[in-house]
Amino acid sequence: MNDPGDPFESATSFGAFGLFDARDFRLTDGRDGTAPATAAARWYFEREVIAVPREGLPVAGYARRTRPLADIERWAREGDGREPADYPPLVWVAAPEVVHEARIAEDGRRLETASGSVALDLVPRIPLNRSYFDASSVAFFRKRTLRARGTLGPARFTARTLWPSDFRLGPEAPPERPVDANLPPGAALRARMREALRGGAEAPFAAETLWQRPGASADWTGLPVLAFLCNGAQGDDDEAHAGHFAIATGRIDARGDIGDWLVNNFYSLDVESEKGILAAPAPLDNYQGDLNAGQSWYRPTHVLVTVLDDARAAHLVQSALLRLFQQFWRHQLVYDHPRDNCTSMSVDVLRALGLPVPARGPTAVAGAFLYLPIDALRQRSLAAARTSYDYATADLTRLLPAVATEDVFAALCACITGASAPEGRLAQWLRADVRAIALLRMPQLPSSRVVGDAPVVDLAGYRARVPRDPAQHQIVPVPARPFPETLRDDDLLPPLPRASALAERAWRALVVGLVAIAAILLVV
């Protein structure tokens, strides 16, 4: 804790990490062998500031020798999902100090706080990162107060995260503006999100209420939330037109601050991100505003927020996601873009807990199967053709963040306002506890980065944005990050075969059969 009156405070001396009191945590890094996180989890954060629960608090576990979703389903079946909630094994806070309601000076070189000013430095740009904070960023932030995470030195503050204080929800409900009732819920939400982006990715922050329970109070102070973040498409990365998806939990702050919400960010562990992104639970201000890794520096974001009268549904989802992180860090679950990605992992957990998120289904199955050998010849790569097949046969709700957001909204509407009571536990609790559903629009923060766009909603839209000439594709090559064999548990089950592997076997069997028939006919 800093001296009285010092605006710079320890990241664990106040506030929250989602549903958890930050004072229940202590700061450390991944080299701390006394931390409750597994060695596999800590390996990714050896040089990163993390918060871990204090001794004696219940930490999310996992089952050995079982598939992750089977583990979650059994865990949810055997417990009631209520408090005491499972604490995160770790929270990636990235920096030890936090300052509220600060301002960047006109020249961008000092941070002005309630007790004076201090020289301002920024963490260095990661070499592979194509963009960074620039004069347009200074112009944006000097007009508003901000929250910053960083490291305070004797005479300087080195900022790691910058987050606008006016990006708020509550404590009073924002203006009510229901979606078009003449459209299916998913289509109505898509229209609203696209309408919001007509002003561009840099349109101002906005909050609106899509639905609220009749007669419910408009004072949301302290209420828990279960939120779904849909980050848009990047403007200069042809691998990122689909966007990104994550689930967050937290409470509505008395000031409306959303930076303390805990975002569950699933991201590939086996490559070193050009932005320094690590898969972990992280405070929303860090997830969105980290100067290298923050999503808001790359694209616009929409957040679908369920405001709850009881925290049980949010605790259930949060604890289940933490179990999935345990399996993910130890590589029982491996990131796979077509099959096991940020969207599918999140949607699968919701379904496992009893929220019947509808399945949009694959783009094409029969066509993808027939095209598989042709595509292999065209690309001169069976591996590339198999990847294309896996994308074409994936459920779009598990594949594309925008589609998942629409279908989650449809599931919420069905379980809250439907004529019949839902069967799943999560759906039942949401039906009873949801007070309102809100939508937030977060602009892309100004920087040297090209402005992003709305995320695509089908594979045809993705192909339309990618240059036809492969030489013109904008892709940042990233180095691999091999997981140490010494940290690999001996109980891990082998991965299930991908859909393309089964299709390839079918084609091989078909070709062998045709050759055999031809040979028989020749002999006869």
Protein backbone atom coordinates (compact mmCIF):
# COMPACT_ATOMS: atom_id res chain seq x y z
CA MET A 1 0.00 0.00 0.00
CA ASN A 2 1.28 3.46 -0.85
CA ASP A 3 1.38 6.46 1.47
CA PRO A 4 -1.95 8.07 2.44
CA GLY A 5 -3.04 10.46 -0.29
CA ASP A 6 -0.92 8.72 -2.93
CA PRO A 7 -3.23 8.04 -5.91
CA PHE A 8 -1.13 5.03 -6.97
CA GLU A 9 -2.38 1.91 -5.23
CA SER A 10 -1.48 -1.77 -5.33
CA ALA A 11 -3.61 -3.73 -7.77
CA THR A 12 -4.77 -5.90 -4.86
CA SER A 13 -5.46 -3.18 -2.28
CA PHE A 14 -8.91 -2.17 -3.56
CA GLY A 15 -11.57 -3.03 -6.11
CA ALA A 16 -12.32 -6.42 -7.55
CA PHE A 17 -11.34 -9.06 -10.04
CA GLY A 18 -14.77 -9.74 -11.43
CA LEU A 19 -16.88 -11.28 -8.67
CA PHE A 20 -13.92 -11.55 -6.31
CA ASP A 21 -12.59 -8.99 -3.84
CA ALA A 22 -9.11 -7.95 -4.99
CA ARG A 23 -7.97 -7.94 -1.36
CA ASP A 24 -8.34 -11.73 -1.35
CA PHE A 25 -5.34 -11.87 -3.71
CA ARG A 26 -1.62 -11.15 -3.55
CA LEU A 27 0.72 -10.09 -6.34
CA THR A 28 3.51 -12.34 -7.57
CA ASP A 29 4.78 -13.83 -10.85
CA GLY A 30 4.97 -17.28 -12.41
CA ARG A 31 8.25 -18.15 -10.72
CA ASP A 32 6.51 -18.29 -7.34
CA GLY A 33 6.34 -21.97 -6.43
CA THR A 34 4.08 -21.20 -3.46
CA ALA A 35 1.29 -19.88 -5.73
CA PRO A 36 -1.78 -22.15 -6.00
CA ALA A 37 -1.57 -22.22 -9.80
CA THR A 38 -0.11 -25.34 -11.37
CA ALA A 39 3.44 -25.35 -12.71
CA ALA A 40 2.00 -25.61 -16.22
CA ALA A 41 -0.05 -22.44 -15.72
CA ARG A 42 2.75 -20.52 -14.03
CA TRP A 43 5.18 -21.30 -16.86
CA TYR A 44 3.38 -18.83 -19.15
CA PHE A 45 3.66 -16.01 -16.60
CA GLU A 46 7.26 -16.34 -15.41
CA ARG A 47 7.96 -12.63 -16.11
CA GLU A 48 4.40 -11.34 -15.79
CA VAL A 49 2.63 -9.80 -12.81
CA ILE A 50 -0.19 -12.06 -11.68
CA ALA A 51 -2.58 -12.02 -8.73
CA VAL A 52 -3.15 -15.32 -6.91
CA PRO A 53 -5.64 -16.15 -4.13
CA ARG A 54 -4.43 -15.95 -0.58
CA GLU A 55 -3.88 -19.16 1.34
CA GLY A 56 -7.00 -21.00 2.45
CA LEU A 57 -9.35 -19.84 -0.32
CA PRO A 58 -10.97 -22.47 -2.61
CA VAL A 59 -9.31 -22.57 -6.02
CA ALA A 60 -10.90 -23.99 -9.18
CA GLY A 61 -9.81 -27.55 -9.79
CA TYR A 62 -10.03 -30.08 -12.59
CA ALA A 63 -10.45 -33.80 -13.07
CA ARG A 64 -7.69 -35.98 -14.45
CA ARG A 65 -8.10 -38.57 -17.19
CA THR A 66 -11.26 -36.97 -18.56
CA ARG A 67 -12.28 -34.66 -21.38
CA PRO A 68 -12.68 -31.03 -20.26
CA LEU A 69 -16.39 -30.70 -21.06
CA ALA A 70 -17.16 -34.04 -19.42
CA ASP A 71 -15.29 -32.72 -16.38
CA ILE A 72 -17.41 -29.54 -16.33
CA GLU A 73 -20.70 -31.40 -16.84
CA ARG A 74 -19.94 -33.81 -13.99
CA TRP A 75 -18.76 -30.98 -11.71
CA ALA A 76 -21.93 -28.97 -12.41
CA ARG A 77 -24.11 -32.02 -11.83
CA GLU A 78 -22.50 -32.89 -8.48
CA GLY A 79 -22.60 -29.36 -6.99
CA ASP A 80 -25.17 -26.62 -6.73
CA GLY A 81 -22.87 -23.98 -8.27
CA ARG A 82 -23.41 -21.50 -5.44
CA GLU A 83 -20.91 -19.92 -3.08
CA PRO A 84 -18.29 -20.44 -1.89
CA ALA A 85 -17.21 -19.79 -5.44
CA ASP A 86 -14.03 -21.24 -6.90
CA TYR A 87 -11.28 -18.62 -7.08
CA PRO A 88 -9.07 -18.22 -10.16
CA PRO A 89 -5.70 -20.02 -9.88
CA LEU A 90 -4.29 -16.74 -11.22
CA VAL A 91 -5.40 -13.43 -12.70
CA TRP A 92 -3.16 -11.76 -15.28
CA VAL A 93 -3.02 -8.17 -13.98
CA ALA A 94 0.19 -7.36 -15.92
CA ALA A 95 1.26 -4.48 -13.64
CA PRO A 96 1.52 -3.93 -9.87
CA GLU A 97 0.03 -0.42 -9.48
CA VAL A 98 -3.22 1.24 -10.52
CA VAL A 99 -4.20 4.90 -10.62
CA HIS A 100 -7.76 6.22 -11.10
CA GLU A 101 -9.10 9.46 -12.53
CA ALA A 102 -5.77 10.55 -13.98
CA ARG A 103 -5.15 12.66 -17.08
CA ILE A 104 -2.42 12.72 -19.71
CA ALA A 105 -0.82 16.13 -20.05
CA GLU A 106 -1.03 18.09 -23.29
CA ASP A 107 2.43 16.99 -24.40
CA GLY A 108 1.75 13.34 -23.50
CA ARG A 109 4.81 13.17 -21.26
CA ARG A 110 3.23 13.48 -17.82
CA LEU A 111 0.39 11.86 -15.96
CA GLU A 112 -1.67 14.29 -13.90
CA THR A 113 -3.30 12.89 -10.76
CA ALA A 114 -5.29 14.23 -7.82
CA SER A 115 -2.08 14.84 -5.86
CA GLY A 116 0.14 16.21 -8.62
CA SER A 117 1.84 14.96 -11.74
CA VAL A 118 4.49 12.39 -12.53
CA ALA A 119 6.61 11.74 -15.60
CA LEU A 120 4.90 9.22 -17.87
CA ASP A 121 6.62 6.41 -19.76
CA LEU A 122 4.97 3.66 -21.78
CA VAL A 123 5.96 0.00 -21.87
CA PRO A 124 7.96 -0.64 -25.06
CA ARG A 125 6.19 -1.72 -28.22
CA ILE A 126 6.64 -5.43 -28.92
CA PRO A 127 8.75 -5.65 -32.11
CA LEU A 128 6.17 -7.74 -34.03
CA ASN A 129 3.37 -5.36 -33.05
CA ARG A 130 2.51 -3.32 -36.14
CA SER A 131 1.10 -0.30 -34.34
CA TYR A 132 1.35 1.64 -31.15
CA PHE A 133 0.30 4.64 -29.14
CA ASP A 134 0.89 7.87 -31.08
CA ALA A 135 -0.14 11.53 -31.24
CA SER A 136 -3.75 10.57 -32.01
CA SER A 137 -3.78 8.50 -28.81
CA VAL A 138 -2.57 11.51 -26.81
CA ALA A 139 -5.27 13.68 -28.35
CA PHE A 140 -7.93 11.12 -27.38
CA PHE A 141 -6.82 10.57 -23.79
CA ARG A 142 -6.00 14.15 -22.82
CA LYS A 143 -9.70 15.01 -23.21
CA ARG A 144 -10.81 12.57 -20.50
CA THR A 145 -9.84 10.98 -17.24
CA LEU A 146 -8.45 7.47 -17.31
CA ARG A 147 -7.43 4.47 -15.27
CA ALA A 148 -3.85 3.30 -15.76
CA ARG A 149 -2.09 0.11 -14.72
CA GLY A 150 1.68 0.23 -14.57
CA THR A 151 4.81 0.39 -12.46
CA LEU A 152 5.63 3.36 -10.26
CA GLY A 153 9.33 4.22 -9.96
CA PRO A 154 11.07 6.89 -7.87
CA ALA A 155 10.18 9.65 -10.32
CA ARG A 156 8.26 8.03 -13.19
CA PHE A 157 5.22 5.92 -13.89
CA THR A 158 5.55 3.34 -16.67
CA ALA A 159 2.08 2.63 -18.01
CA ARG A 160 1.11 -0.84 -19.19
CA THR A 161 -2.65 -0.22 -19.60
CA LEU A 162 -4.66 2.92 -20.34
CA TRP A 163 -8.45 2.79 -20.03
CA PRO A 164 -10.99 5.64 -20.45
CA SER A 165 -12.96 6.37 -17.28
CA ASP A 166 -16.02 7.39 -19.30
CA PHE A 167 -16.50 3.89 -20.72
CA ARG A 168 -19.16 3.04 -18.11
CA LEU A 169 -22.32 1.07 -17.43
CA GLY A 170 -24.59 2.28 -14.65
CA PRO A 171 -25.12 2.70 -11.84
CA GLU A 172 -28.41 3.79 -13.41
CA ALA A 173 -29.78 1.79 -16.32
CA PRO A 174 -28.94 3.38 -19.68
CA PRO A 175 -31.77 4.50 -21.98
CA GLU A 176 -34.04 1.67 -23.09
CA ARG A 177 -33.97 0.89 -26.79
CA PRO A 178 -35.37 -2.56 -27.60
CA VAL A 179 -34.27 -4.43 -30.70
CA ASP A 180 -36.69 -4.85 -33.60
CA ALA A 181 -39.38 -7.27 -32.40
CA ASN A 182 -40.28 -8.11 -36.01
CA LEU A 183 -36.95 -9.90 -36.49
CA PRO A 184 -35.61 -13.05 -34.85
CA PRO A 185 -33.50 -12.02 -31.84
CA GLY A 186 -30.14 -12.88 -33.43
CA ALA A 187 -30.95 -11.00 -36.63
CA ALA A 188 -32.26 -8.03 -34.62
CA LEU A 189 -29.05 -7.88 -32.58
CA ARG A 190 -26.93 -8.06 -35.75
CA ALA A 191 -28.86 -5.13 -37.22
CA ARG A 192 -28.31 -3.11 -34.05
CA MET A 193 -24.58 -3.86 -33.92
CA ARG A 194 -24.11 -3.03 -37.61
CA GLU A 195 -26.15 0.15 -37.17
CA ALA A 196 -23.83 1.21 -34.36
CA LEU A 197 -20.79 0.74 -36.58
CA ARG A 198 -22.08 2.96 -39.37
CA GLY A 199 -20.29 5.78 -37.62
CA GLY A 200 -17.07 3.83 -37.94
CA ALA A 201 -14.97 1.85 -35.50
CA GLU A 202 -14.10 5.12 -33.72
CA ALA A 203 -17.71 6.17 -33.04
CA PRO A 204 -18.21 7.23 -29.40
CA PHE A 205 -18.79 4.79 -26.58
CA ALA A 206 -22.48 4.08 -26.07
CA ALA A 207 -24.67 2.04 -23.73
CA GLU A 208 -28.31 1.12 -24.13
CA THR A 209 -30.83 -1.23 -22.53
CA LEU A 210 -32.22 -3.82 -24.93
CA TRP A 211 -34.66 -5.38 -22.47
CA GLN A 212 -35.60 -4.99 -18.82
CA ARG A 213 -37.97 -6.89 -16.59
CA PRO A 214 -41.24 -4.97 -16.12
CA GLY A 215 -41.33 -3.11 -12.81
CA ALA A 216 -37.64 -3.71 -12.04
CA SER A 217 -35.62 -0.91 -10.45
CA ALA A 218 -33.37 1.10 -12.74
CA ASP A 219 -30.73 1.32 -9.99
CA TRP A 220 -28.15 -1.34 -10.90
CA THR A 221 -25.58 -0.48 -8.23
CA GLY A 222 -23.74 -3.58 -7.04
CA LEU A 223 -25.65 -6.01 -9.25
CA PRO A 224 -23.71 -8.92 -10.75
CA VAL A 225 -23.29 -9.24 -14.50
CA LEU A 226 -22.61 -12.00 -17.00
CA ALA A 227 -21.27 -10.38 -20.16
CA PHE A 228 -20.29 -11.53 -23.65
CA LEU A 229 -17.59 -9.59 -25.52
CA CYS A 230 -17.50 -9.61 -29.30
CA ASN A 231 -14.36 -7.89 -30.60
CA GLY A 232 -14.56 -6.83 -34.24
CA ALA A 233 -12.35 -7.39 -37.25
CA GLN A 234 -8.85 -5.92 -37.44
CA GLY A 235 -8.14 -3.61 -40.34
CA ASP A 236 -4.69 -4.89 -41.25
CA ASP A 237 -4.63 -8.59 -40.41
CA ASP A 238 -6.19 -11.09 -42.80
CA GLU A 239 -6.29 -13.72 -40.09
CA ALA A 240 -8.47 -11.57 -37.83
CA HIS A 241 -11.62 -10.69 -39.79
CA ALA A 242 -13.75 -12.96 -37.58
CA GLY A 243 -12.90 -11.04 -34.41
CA HIS A 244 -12.60 -12.50 -30.93
CA PHE A 245 -15.04 -13.72 -28.28
CA ALA A 246 -14.87 -13.87 -24.49
CA ILE A 247 -17.13 -14.14 -21.44
CA ALA A 248 -16.79 -11.75 -18.51
CA THR A 249 -18.25 -11.61 -15.01
CA GLY A 250 -18.33 -8.85 -12.42
CA ARG A 251 -20.51 -6.31 -10.64
CA ILE A 252 -21.79 -2.87 -11.57
CA ASP A 253 -19.65 -0.39 -9.72
CA ALA A 254 -21.15 2.56 -7.86
CA ARG A 255 -19.37 4.79 -10.41
CA GLY A 256 -20.35 2.62 -13.36
CA ASP A 257 -16.75 1.46 -13.82
CA ILE A 258 -16.46 -1.75 -15.86
CA GLY A 259 -12.67 -2.08 -15.79
CA ASP A 260 -12.77 -4.53 -12.86
CA TRP A 261 -14.88 -7.11 -14.68
CA LEU A 262 -12.98 -10.36 -15.20
CA VAL A 263 -12.62 -11.43 -18.84
CA ASN A 264 -11.90 -15.09 -19.58
CA ASN A 265 -9.61 -14.88 -22.60
CA PHE A 266 -8.85 -18.14 -24.40
CA TYR A 267 -6.03 -17.69 -26.90
CA SER A 268 -3.49 -20.00 -28.50
CA LEU A 269 -0.84 -21.06 -25.98
CA ASP A 270 1.53 -22.57 -28.51
CA VAL A 271 2.55 -19.41 -30.35
CA GLU A 272 4.04 -16.16 -29.10
CA SER A 273 1.48 -13.52 -29.93
CA GLU A 274 2.78 -10.49 -31.81
CA LYS A 275 0.88 -8.43 -29.24
CA GLY A 276 1.97 -10.37 -26.17
CA ILE A 277 -1.49 -11.81 -25.49
CA LEU A 278 -1.62 -14.60 -22.91
CA ALA A 279 -4.58 -16.89 -22.29
CA ALA A 280 -5.88 -16.14 -18.81
CA PRO A 281 -8.58 -14.45 -16.76
CA ALA A 282 -7.76 -10.73 -16.91
CA PRO A 283 -9.39 -7.47 -15.76
CA LEU A 284 -11.43 -5.92 -18.55
CA ASP A 285 -9.32 -2.75 -18.60
CA ASN A 286 -6.23 -4.88 -19.19
CA TYR A 287 -7.94 -7.13 -21.77
CA GLN A 288 -9.14 -4.11 -23.74
CA GLY A 289 -6.56 -1.43 -22.93
CA ASP A 290 -3.11 -3.07 -22.58
CA LEU A 291 -0.87 -0.94 -24.80
CA ASN A 292 0.33 -3.99 -26.74
CA ALA A 293 -2.27 -6.68 -26.15
CA GLY A 294 -5.47 -4.68 -25.61
CA GLN A 295 -8.29 -5.49 -28.00
CA SER A 296 -9.51 -1.88 -28.12
CA TRP A 297 -6.28 -0.77 -29.78
CA TYR A 298 -7.07 -3.02 -32.77
CA ARG A 299 -10.80 -3.07 -33.35
CA PRO A 300 -14.23 -1.99 -32.09
CA THR A 301 -16.04 -4.11 -29.52
CA HIS A 302 -19.62 -4.85 -28.55
CA VAL A 303 -20.52 -6.21 -25.13
CA LEU A 304 -23.82 -7.98 -24.47
CA VAL A 305 -24.48 -7.64 -20.72
CA THR A 306 -26.99 -9.55 -18.62
CA VAL A 307 -27.69 -7.69 -15.38
CA LEU A 308 -28.61 -10.16 -12.63
CA ASP A 309 -30.49 -9.96 -9.33
CA ASP A 310 -28.50 -12.95 -8.00
CA ALA A 311 -24.86 -13.85 -8.64
CA ARG A 312 -25.40 -17.62 -8.84
CA ALA A 313 -25.48 -17.85 -12.66
CA ALA A 314 -22.37 -15.68 -13.00
CA HIS A 315 -20.55 -17.73 -10.34
CA LEU A 316 -21.52 -20.96 -12.10
CA VAL A 317 -20.20 -19.80 -15.46
CA GLN A 318 -17.06 -18.26 -13.98
CA SER A 319 -16.14 -21.36 -11.98
CA ALA A 320 -16.71 -23.58 -15.03
CA LEU A 321 -14.49 -21.38 -17.20
CA LEU A 322 -11.76 -21.57 -14.56
CA ARG A 323 -11.92 -25.37 -14.68
CA LEU A 324 -11.52 -25.13 -18.43
CA PHE A 325 -8.46 -22.89 -18.00
CA GLN A 326 -6.90 -25.54 -15.76
CA GLN A 327 -7.33 -28.14 -18.50
CA PHE A 328 -6.21 -25.66 -21.16
CA TRP A 329 -2.96 -24.64 -19.47
CA ARG A 330 -1.97 -28.27 -18.99
CA HIS A 331 -2.81 -29.09 -22.63
CA GLN A 332 -5.66 -31.52 -22.10
CA LEU A 333 -7.45 -29.00 -24.31
CA VAL A 334 -5.36 -27.63 -27.19
CA TYR A 335 -6.23 -24.47 -29.14
CA ASP A 336 -7.33 -25.33 -32.67
CA HIS A 337 -8.72 -22.53 -34.84
CA PRO A 338 -11.50 -24.47 -36.63
CA ARG A 339 -12.49 -26.72 -33.71
CA ASP A 340 -11.34 -25.45 -30.30
CA ASN A 341 -11.04 -21.67 -30.34
CA CYS A 342 -12.03 -18.74 -28.14
CA THR A 343 -15.63 -18.92 -29.37
CA SER A 344 -16.15 -22.67 -29.24
CA MET A 345 -14.63 -23.00 -25.77
CA SER A 346 -16.96 -20.34 -24.39
CA VAL A 347 -20.09 -21.60 -26.16
CA ASP A 348 -19.34 -25.21 -25.18
CA VAL A 349 -19.19 -24.22 -21.50
CA LEU A 350 -22.54 -22.40 -21.71
CA ARG A 351 -24.14 -25.43 -23.32
CA ALA A 352 -22.56 -27.81 -20.81
CA LEU A 353 -24.06 -25.76 -17.96
CA GLY A 354 -27.55 -25.83 -19.42
CA LEU A 355 -27.99 -22.77 -21.62
CA PRO A 356 -29.30 -24.15 -24.94
CA VAL A 357 -27.35 -21.91 -27.31
CA PRO A 358 -28.70 -22.84 -30.76
CA ALA A 359 -26.35 -24.29 -33.35
CA ARG A 360 -26.18 -22.40 -36.64
CA GLY A 361 -24.60 -25.47 -38.22
CA PRO A 362 -21.75 -25.84 -40.76
CA THR A 363 -21.29 -23.92 -43.98
CA ALA A 364 -21.16 -27.08 -46.12
CA VAL A 365 -20.52 -30.74 -45.39
CA ALA A 366 -21.23 -32.66 -48.58
CA GLY A 367 -19.64 -29.98 -50.75
CA ALA A 368 -16.57 -29.80 -48.53
CA PHE A 369 -16.17 -33.57 -48.69
CA LEU A 370 -16.43 -33.66 -52.50
CA TYR A 371 -14.03 -30.71 -52.82
CA LEU A 372 -11.38 -32.07 -50.43
CA PRO A 373 -9.13 -33.84 -53.00
CA ILE A 374 -9.57 -31.02 -55.52
CA ASP A 375 -8.57 -28.47 -52.91
CA ALA A 376 -5.52 -30.55 -51.96
CA LEU A 377 -4.37 -30.55 -55.59
CA ARG A 378 -5.16 -26.86 -56.03
CA GLN A 379 -3.24 -25.80 -52.93
CA ARG A 380 -0.62 -28.52 -53.36
CA SER A 381 -1.07 -29.24 -49.70
CA LEU A 382 -3.23 -31.88 -48.06
CA ALA A 383 -2.78 -30.13 -44.70
CA ALA A 384 -4.15 -26.85 -46.10
CA ALA A 385 -7.08 -28.65 -47.70
CA ARG A 386 -7.87 -30.41 -44.43
CA THR A 387 -7.90 -27.07 -42.61
CA SER A 388 -10.31 -25.63 -45.18
CA TYR A 389 -12.51 -28.69 -44.72
CA ASP A 390 -12.53 -28.25 -40.95
CA TYR A 391 -13.62 -24.62 -41.29
CA ALA A 392 -16.38 -25.51 -43.76
CA THR A 393 -17.79 -28.25 -41.53
CA ALA A 394 -17.60 -26.37 -38.21
CA ASP A 395 -20.74 -25.15 -36.48
CA LEU A 396 -20.72 -21.40 -37.17
CA THR A 397 -21.94 -20.71 -33.64
CA ARG A 398 -18.74 -22.30 -32.33
CA LEU A 399 -16.56 -20.72 -35.01
CA LEU A 400 -17.48 -17.06 -35.47
CA PRO A 401 -17.70 -14.58 -32.54
CA ALA A 402 -20.47 -12.48 -34.11
CA VAL A 403 -22.63 -15.54 -34.75
CA ALA A 404 -22.02 -16.78 -31.21
CA THR A 405 -23.06 -13.39 -29.80
CA GLU A 406 -26.27 -13.44 -31.83
CA ASP A 407 -27.11 -17.00 -30.82
CA VAL A 408 -26.34 -16.37 -27.14
CA PHE A 409 -28.73 -13.42 -27.29
CA ALA A 410 -31.36 -15.67 -28.91
CA ALA A 411 -30.86 -18.25 -26.16
CA LEU A 412 -31.18 -15.58 -23.47
CA CYS A 413 -34.39 -14.24 -24.99
CA ALA A 414 -35.84 -17.73 -25.25
CA CYS A 415 -35.08 -18.70 -21.66
CA ILE A 416 -36.16 -15.34 -20.17
CA THR A 417 -39.34 -14.60 -22.12
CA GLY A 418 -40.29 -18.02 -23.53
CA ALA A 419 -43.67 -19.53 -22.68
CA SER A 420 -42.21 -22.73 -21.26
CA ALA A 421 -39.62 -23.05 -18.50
CA PRO A 422 -36.18 -24.18 -19.70
CA GLU A 423 -34.64 -27.45 -18.48
CA GLY A 424 -30.95 -26.59 -17.98
CA ARG A 425 -29.76 -25.21 -14.64
CA LEU A 426 -28.06 -22.15 -16.13
CA ALA A 427 -31.11 -21.34 -18.26
CA GLN A 428 -33.42 -21.75 -15.25
CA TRP A 429 -31.34 -19.41 -13.12
CA LEU A 430 -31.11 -16.83 -15.88
CA ARG A 431 -34.87 -16.97 -16.40
CA ALA A 432 -35.37 -16.18 -12.73
CA ASP A 433 -32.51 -13.74 -12.17
CA VAL A 434 -31.98 -11.58 -15.27
CA ARG A 435 -33.18 -8.05 -14.54
CA ALA A 436 -32.07 -6.50 -17.83
CA ILE A 437 -29.96 -6.97 -20.95
CA ALA A 438 -27.75 -4.10 -22.08
CA LEU A 439 -25.50 -3.52 -25.08
CA LEU A 440 -22.25 -1.56 -24.94
CA ARG A 441 -20.31 -0.26 -27.93
CA MET A 442 -16.62 0.40 -27.36
CA PRO A 443 -14.75 2.28 -30.09
CA GLN A 444 -11.32 1.38 -31.33
CA LEU A 445 -8.81 3.55 -29.49
CA PRO A 446 -6.88 5.90 -31.81
CA SER A 447 -3.30 4.85 -32.57
CA SER A 448 -1.16 4.15 -35.62
CA ARG A 449 -3.27 1.03 -36.22
CA VAL A 450 -5.55 0.83 -39.28
CA VAL A 451 -9.21 1.17 -38.29
CA GLY A 452 -11.08 -2.14 -37.87
CA ASP A 453 -14.58 -3.18 -38.86
CA ALA A 454 -17.50 -5.40 -37.89
CA PRO A 455 -16.68 -9.11 -37.57
CA VAL A 456 -17.76 -11.38 -40.40
CA VAL A 457 -20.82 -13.59 -39.94
CA ASP A 458 -20.04 -16.30 -42.49
CA LEU A 459 -17.11 -17.78 -44.37
CA ALA A 460 -18.16 -16.10 -47.61
CA GLY A 461 -17.81 -12.74 -45.90
CA TYR A 462 -14.37 -13.75 -44.67
CA ARG A 463 -13.23 -14.73 -48.17
CA ALA A 464 -14.58 -11.46 -49.56
CA ARG A 465 -12.27 -9.46 -47.27
CA VAL A 466 -9.13 -11.44 -48.02
CA PRO A 467 -7.18 -10.48 -51.17
CA ARG A 468 -7.42 -13.12 -53.89
CA ASP A 469 -3.67 -12.99 -54.41
CA PRO A 470 -1.99 -14.85 -51.51
CA ALA A 471 1.05 -12.59 -51.92
CA GLN A 472 -1.08 -9.66 -50.79
CA HIS A 473 -2.30 -11.30 -47.59
CA GLN A 474 -1.46 -9.34 -44.45
CA ILE A 475 -0.30 -11.92 -41.93
CA VAL A 476 2.15 -11.50 -39.08
CA PRO A 477 4.33 -14.63 -38.75
CA VAL A 478 4.73 -15.51 -35.08
CA PRO A 479 7.22 -17.88 -33.46
CA ALA A 480 6.12 -21.14 -31.88
CA ARG A 481 6.10 -21.54 -28.12
CA PRO A 482 6.57 -25.28 -27.48
CA PHE A 483 5.11 -26.54 -24.23
CA PRO A 484 7.84 -28.20 -22.10
CA GLU A 485 7.52 -31.96 -22.03
CA THR A 486 8.55 -31.92 -18.38
CA LEU A 487 5.33 -30.07 -17.54
CA ARG A 488 3.09 -32.42 -19.50
CA ASP A 489 1.03 -34.59 -17.13
CA ASP A 490 1.10 -38.34 -17.72
CA ASP A 491 -2.70 -38.69 -17.55
CA LEU A 492 -3.51 -36.60 -20.65
CA LEU A 493 -5.90 -38.26 -23.06
CA PRO A 494 -4.99 -38.25 -26.77
CA PRO A 495 -6.75 -35.61 -28.90
CA LEU A 496 -9.88 -36.62 -30.74
CA PRO A 497 -9.50 -36.86 -34.55
CA ARG A 498 -10.44 -33.77 -36.53
CA ALA A 499 -13.34 -33.97 -38.97
CA SER A 500 -10.92 -33.66 -41.89
CA ALA A 501 -9.00 -36.72 -40.73
CA LEU A 502 -12.17 -38.78 -40.92
CA ALA A 503 -12.99 -37.32 -44.34
CA GLU A 504 -9.51 -38.12 -45.60
CA ARG A 505 -9.86 -41.72 -44.42
CA ALA A 506 -13.21 -41.97 -46.17
CA TRP A 507 -11.69 -40.69 -49.40
CA ARG A 508 -8.79 -43.13 -49.14
CA ALA A 509 -11.20 -46.00 -48.57
CA LEU A 510 -13.32 -44.80 -51.49
CA VAL A 511 -10.32 -44.62 -53.82
CA VAL A 512 -9.10 -48.06 -52.73
CA GLY A 513 -12.59 -49.44 -53.30
CA LEU A 514 -12.84 -47.90 -56.77
CA VAL A 515 -9.41 -49.25 -57.72
CA ALA A 516 -10.40 -52.70 -56.49
CA ILE A 517 -13.65 -52.61 -58.48
CA ALA A 518 -11.79 -51.46 -61.60
CA ALA A 519 -9.26 -54.27 -61.19
CA ILE A 520 -12.03 -56.85 -60.83
CA LEU A 521 -13.77 -55.53 -63.92
CA LEU A 522 -10.53 -55.70 -65.91
CA VAL A 523 -9.97 -59.29 -64.87
CA VAL A 524 -13.54 -60.26 -65.75
